[in-house]
Amino acid sequence: MDAYQPLNCDLHDYLEIACIRGYQLDIELVDGGRLQAKALTTRTATSKEEFFCVETADGQQDIRLDRMLAITPLNANAEFGRVVLAGASCTF
């Protein structure tokens, strides 16, 4: 697996809002894949890789943050629209 590329710090807010509100999302992956899932939470592995935990029709799934291209809430009156995540790294 490629070395983890941290997500831009500002973009974490969108993931947190999606989790707090329990948004149903259309998730676009950098490899061209796509899935619809409910946002649950985020987690950081001991390796410092960060994951977005979602619930799909097939069960819970963890998606490494740098594998996601964009998220779009499917809920009416969501607090944000499509957010592009790929290519935006967090620097300290």
C-alpha atoms as a PDB file:
ATOM      1  CA  MET A   1       0.000   0.000   0.000  1.00  0.00           C
ATOM      2  CA  ASP A   2       1.213   3.521  -0.739  1.00  0.00           C
ATOM      3  CA  ALA A   3       2.488   5.772   2.026  1.00  0.00           C
ATOM      4  CA  TYR A   4      -0.361   7.613   3.745  1.00  0.00           C
ATOM      5  CA  GLN A   5      -0.913  11.221   2.667  1.00  0.00           C
ATOM      6  CA  PRO A   6      -2.690  13.193   5.433  1.00  0.00           C
ATOM      7  CA  LEU A   7      -5.870  15.025   4.503  1.00  0.00           C
ATOM      8  CA  ASN A   8      -5.954  18.825   4.598  1.00  0.00           C
ATOM      9  CA  CYS A   9      -6.805  19.808   8.177  1.00  0.00           C
ATOM     10  CA  ASP A  10      -9.693  22.056   7.085  1.00  0.00           C
ATOM     11  CA  LEU A  11     -11.393  19.163   5.309  1.00  0.00           C
ATOM     12  CA  HIS A  12     -11.688  17.137   8.510  1.00  0.00           C
ATOM     13  CA  ASP A  13     -14.509  19.500   9.533  1.00  0.00           C
ATOM     14  CA  TYR A  14     -16.699  18.196   6.700  1.00  0.00           C
ATOM     15  CA  LEU A  15     -16.137  14.599   7.769  1.00  0.00           C
ATOM     16  CA  GLU A  16     -16.945  15.478  11.377  1.00  0.00           C
ATOM     17  CA  ILE A  17     -20.171  17.267  10.360  1.00  0.00           C
ATOM     18  CA  ALA A  18     -21.159  14.261   8.230  1.00  0.00           C
ATOM     19  CA  CYS A  19     -20.609  11.949  11.208  1.00  0.00           C
ATOM     20  CA  ILE A  20     -22.408  14.151  13.747  1.00  0.00           C
ATOM     21  CA  ARG A  21     -25.415  14.511  11.431  1.00  0.00           C
ATOM     22  CA  GLY A  22     -25.306  10.869  10.295  1.00  0.00           C
ATOM     23  CA  TYR A  23     -25.337  11.934   6.650  1.00  0.00           C
ATOM     24  CA  GLN A  24     -25.872   9.431   3.890  1.00  0.00           C
ATOM     25  CA  LEU A  25     -23.030  10.127   1.459  1.00  0.00           C
ATOM     26  CA  ASP A  26     -22.034   9.462  -2.110  1.00  0.00           C
ATOM     27  CA  ILE A  27     -18.317   8.706  -1.734  1.00  0.00           C
ATOM     28  CA  GLU A  28     -16.063   8.922  -4.784  1.00  0.00           C
ATOM     29  CA  LEU A  29     -12.767   7.053  -4.529  1.00  0.00           C
ATOM     30  CA  VAL A  30      -9.508   8.016  -6.224  1.00  0.00           C
ATOM     31  CA  ASP A  31      -9.412   4.636  -8.001  1.00  0.00           C
ATOM     32  CA  GLY A  32     -12.699   5.465  -9.755  1.00  0.00           C
ATOM     33  CA  GLY A  33     -14.876   3.465  -7.375  1.00  0.00           C
ATOM     34  CA  ARG A  34     -17.975   4.888  -5.777  1.00  0.00           C
ATOM     35  CA  LEU A  35     -20.210   3.895  -2.874  1.00  0.00           C
ATOM     36  CA  GLN A  36     -23.124   5.180  -0.881  1.00  0.00           C
ATOM     37  CA  ALA A  37     -22.808   4.938   2.876  1.00  0.00           C
ATOM     38  CA  LYS A  38     -23.818   6.491   6.168  1.00  0.00           C
ATOM     39  CA  ALA A  39     -21.076   8.460   7.943  1.00  0.00           C
ATOM     40  CA  LEU A  40     -20.260   7.008  11.380  1.00  0.00           C
ATOM     41  CA  THR A  41     -16.923   8.272  12.715  1.00  0.00           C
ATOM     42  CA  THR A  42     -13.234   8.698  11.968  1.00  0.00           C
ATOM     43  CA  ARG A  43     -10.327   6.844  13.525  1.00  0.00           C
ATOM     44  CA  THR A  44      -6.561   6.997  13.549  1.00  0.00           C
ATOM     45  CA  ALA A  45      -4.549   3.779  13.441  1.00  0.00           C
ATOM     46  CA  THR A  46      -1.354   3.320  15.435  1.00  0.00           C
ATOM     47  CA  SER A  47       0.463   3.763  12.110  1.00  0.00           C
ATOM     48  CA  LYS A  48      -1.005   7.325  12.005  1.00  0.00           C
ATOM     49  CA  GLU A  49      -3.184   6.454   8.989  1.00  0.00           C
ATOM     50  CA  GLU A  50      -6.635   8.023   9.261  1.00  0.00           C
ATOM     51  CA  PHE A  51      -9.863   6.281   8.302  1.00  0.00           C
ATOM     52  CA  PHE A  52     -13.472   7.276   7.640  1.00  0.00           C
ATOM     53  CA  CYS A  53     -15.805   4.687   9.151  1.00  0.00           C
ATOM     54  CA  VAL A  54     -19.072   4.249   7.276  1.00  0.00           C
ATOM     55  CA  GLU A  55     -22.056   1.898   7.186  1.00  0.00           C
ATOM     56  CA  THR A  56     -22.895   0.393   3.800  1.00  0.00           C
ATOM     57  CA  ALA A  57     -25.540  -2.131   2.791  1.00  0.00           C
ATOM     58  CA  ASP A  58     -22.804  -4.767   3.282  1.00  0.00           C
ATOM     59  CA  GLY A  59     -21.861  -3.621   6.797  1.00  0.00           C
ATOM     60  CA  GLN A  60     -19.300  -1.301   8.352  1.00  0.00           C
ATOM     61  CA  GLN A  61     -16.304  -0.300   6.266  1.00  0.00           C
ATOM     62  CA  ASP A  62     -13.217   1.816   6.978  1.00  0.00           C
ATOM     63  CA  ILE A  63     -11.896   3.924   4.101  1.00  0.00           C
ATOM     64  CA  ARG A  64      -8.419   5.415   4.318  1.00  0.00           C
ATOM     65  CA  LEU A  65      -8.862   9.177   3.965  1.00  0.00           C
ATOM     66  CA  ASP A  66      -6.332   9.568   1.145  1.00  0.00           C
ATOM     67  CA  ARG A  67      -8.303   6.991  -0.897  1.00  0.00           C
ATOM     68  CA  MET A  68     -11.342   9.293  -1.086  1.00  0.00           C
ATOM     69  CA  LEU A  69     -11.692  11.742  -3.968  1.00  0.00           C
ATOM     70  CA  ALA A  70     -14.867  13.503  -2.813  1.00  0.00           C
ATOM     71  CA  ILE A  71     -17.960  13.232  -0.646  1.00  0.00           C
ATOM     72  CA  THR A  72     -21.462  14.490  -1.431  1.00  0.00           C
ATOM     73  CA  PRO A  73     -24.258  14.424   1.149  1.00  0.00           C
ATOM     74  CA  LEU A  74     -27.480  12.849  -0.108  1.00  0.00           C
ATOM     75  CA  ASN A  75     -29.590  14.286   2.732  1.00  0.00           C
ATOM     76  CA  ALA A  76     -32.002  17.154   2.025  1.00  0.00           C
ATOM     77  CA  ASN A  77     -30.824  20.435   3.561  1.00  0.00           C
ATOM     78  CA  ALA A  78     -27.284  19.177   4.226  1.00  0.00           C
ATOM     79  CA  GLU A  79     -24.876  21.780   5.585  1.00  0.00           C
ATOM     80  CA  PHE A  80     -22.499  21.392   2.645  1.00  0.00           C
ATOM     81  CA  GLY A  81     -22.449  20.115  -0.929  1.00  0.00           C
ATOM     82  CA  ARG A  82     -19.799  18.110  -2.781  1.00  0.00           C
ATOM     83  CA  VAL A  83     -16.386  18.402  -1.120  1.00  0.00           C
ATOM     84  CA  VAL A  84     -13.239  17.394  -3.009  1.00  0.00           C
ATOM     85  CA  LEU A  85     -10.779  15.726  -0.646  1.00  0.00           C
ATOM     86  CA  ALA A  86      -8.023  14.332  -2.889  1.00  0.00           C
ATOM     87  CA  GLY A  87      -4.886  16.313  -3.527  1.00  0.00           C
ATOM     88  CA  ALA A  88      -5.179  18.480  -0.421  1.00  0.00           C
ATOM     89  CA  SER A  89      -2.551  17.569   2.160  1.00  0.00           C
ATOM     90  CA  CYS A  90      -2.303  18.748   5.761  1.00  0.00           C
ATOM     91  CA  THR A  91       0.978  20.459   6.569  1.00  0.00           C
ATOM     92  CA  PHE A  92       2.211  21.394  10.027  1.00  0.00           C
END
